[in-house]
Amino acid sequence: MEVNRNKLDQLVSATRSLFDKVENNERVAGGLMKQCEALQQSLSSTQEYQGSVQVLGQGSSNRRQLVEIEGAYVQQLQTENSELKAMLEEYQSTLELKLDGIRR
């Protein structure tokens, strides 16, 4: 009877360990998804910016419009940079938690 109890305890312990690993992997995957979404948004913004600059360069010599577009683009990049920095910090924190769990 004691042998069965020990095996059951080992099984419960292994199940908890696997569950913790799955949770950590899900957090990491969530962080990676956020990073992918931010990169996709950045790529889209860059393409939009390049298109706007090309149109302005072809059809108009209005430098004020170009400066406004560039200013908006720089502001958007700064916002995206802040978001990416926050996601990276979250990812690093999650990774540290996962590594702490593995070390135990």
Protein backbone atom coordinates (compact mmCIF):
# COMPACT_ATOMS: atom_id res chain seq x y z
CA MET A 1 0.00 0.00 0.00
CA GLU A 2 2.91 2.34 0.84
CA VAL A 3 4.47 1.71 -2.59
CA ASN A 4 1.27 2.80 -4.34
CA ARG A 5 1.13 5.94 -2.19
CA ASN A 6 4.71 6.85 -3.12
CA LYS A 7 3.99 6.29 -6.81
CA LEU A 8 0.87 8.43 -6.55
CA ASP A 9 2.84 11.21 -4.84
CA GLN A 10 5.50 11.03 -7.56
CA LEU A 11 2.82 11.19 -10.25
CA VAL A 12 1.18 14.23 -8.63
CA SER A 13 4.55 15.94 -8.28
CA ALA A 14 5.46 15.24 -11.92
CA THR A 15 2.05 16.49 -13.05
CA ARG A 16 2.48 19.74 -11.11
CA SER A 17 5.93 20.22 -12.59
CA LEU A 18 4.65 19.69 -16.13
CA PHE A 19 1.73 22.04 -15.49
CA ASP A 20 4.14 24.76 -14.30
CA LYS A 21 6.28 24.28 -17.39
CA VAL A 22 3.23 24.54 -19.65
CA GLU A 23 2.15 27.75 -17.91
CA ASN A 24 5.62 29.25 -18.34
CA ASN A 25 5.71 28.23 -22.00
CA GLU A 26 2.31 29.84 -22.55
CA ARG A 27 3.55 33.09 -20.99
CA VAL A 28 6.63 33.05 -23.19
CA ALA A 29 4.53 32.32 -26.26
CA GLY A 30 2.21 35.19 -25.36
CA GLY A 31 5.17 37.54 -25.12
CA LEU A 32 6.48 36.38 -28.46
CA MET A 33 3.06 36.90 -30.03
CA LYS A 34 2.98 40.47 -28.72
CA GLN A 35 6.43 41.08 -30.16
CA CYS A 36 5.35 39.69 -33.54
CA GLU A 37 2.29 41.93 -33.55
CA ALA A 38 4.41 44.98 -32.69
CA LEU A 39 6.89 44.14 -35.44
CA GLN A 40 4.07 43.68 -37.93
CA GLN A 41 2.65 47.07 -36.95
CA SER A 42 6.08 48.63 -37.28
CA LEU A 43 6.55 47.13 -40.74
CA SER A 44 3.15 48.40 -41.82
CA SER A 45 3.95 51.88 -40.52
CA THR A 46 7.29 51.89 -42.29
CA GLN A 47 5.67 50.89 -45.58
CA GLU A 48 3.01 53.58 -45.14
CA TYR A 49 5.70 56.15 -44.37
CA GLN A 50 7.74 55.18 -47.42
CA GLY A 51 4.65 55.42 -49.61
CA SER A 52 3.82 58.86 -48.25
CA VAL A 53 7.35 60.11 -48.79
CA GLN A 54 7.35 58.77 -52.33
CA VAL A 55 4.03 60.45 -53.16
CA LEU A 56 5.18 63.75 -51.70
CA GLY A 57 8.51 63.54 -53.49
CA GLN A 58 6.82 62.91 -56.85
CA GLY A 59 3.89 65.26 -56.72
CA SER A 60 4.80 68.06 -54.37
CA SER A 61 7.71 70.02 -53.10
CA ASN A 62 5.87 70.99 -49.95
CA ARG A 63 8.49 70.39 -47.30
CA ARG A 64 6.12 71.22 -44.47
CA GLN A 65 3.96 68.19 -45.24
CA LEU A 66 7.04 66.00 -45.41
CA VAL A 67 8.27 67.29 -42.04
CA GLU A 68 4.84 66.66 -40.49
CA ILE A 69 4.76 63.12 -41.83
CA GLU A 70 8.28 62.46 -40.59
CA GLY A 71 7.40 63.92 -37.18
CA ALA A 72 4.36 61.67 -36.90
CA TYR A 73 6.45 58.69 -37.97
CA VAL A 74 9.14 59.44 -35.38
CA GLN A 75 6.50 59.79 -32.69
CA GLN A 76 4.97 56.47 -33.71
CA LEU A 77 8.39 54.81 -33.63
CA GLN A 78 9.00 56.17 -30.15
CA THR A 79 5.67 54.76 -28.98
CA GLU A 80 6.42 51.38 -30.55
CA ASN A 81 9.89 51.44 -29.01
CA SER A 82 8.38 51.97 -25.57
CA GLU A 83 5.91 49.12 -26.13
CA LEU A 84 8.67 46.79 -27.33
CA LYS A 85 10.81 47.71 -24.34
CA ALA A 86 7.94 46.87 -21.97
CA MET A 87 7.33 43.56 -23.75
CA LEU A 88 11.04 42.72 -23.61
CA GLU A 89 11.12 43.42 -19.88
CA GLU A 90 8.05 41.21 -19.41
CA TYR A 91 9.65 38.47 -21.52
CA GLN A 92 12.89 38.67 -19.52
CA SER A 93 10.95 38.45 -16.27
CA THR A 94 9.04 35.41 -17.51
CA LEU A 95 12.24 33.80 -18.71
CA GLU A 96 13.87 34.39 -15.32
CA LEU A 97 10.89 32.78 -13.61
CA LYS A 98 11.12 29.81 -15.94
CA LEU A 99 14.85 29.43 -15.35
CA ASP A 100 14.31 29.66 -11.59
CA GLY A 101 11.75 26.88 -11.89
CA ILE A 102 14.16 24.72 -13.85
CA ARG A 103 16.98 25.31 -11.37
CA ARG A 104 14.87 24.08 -8.48
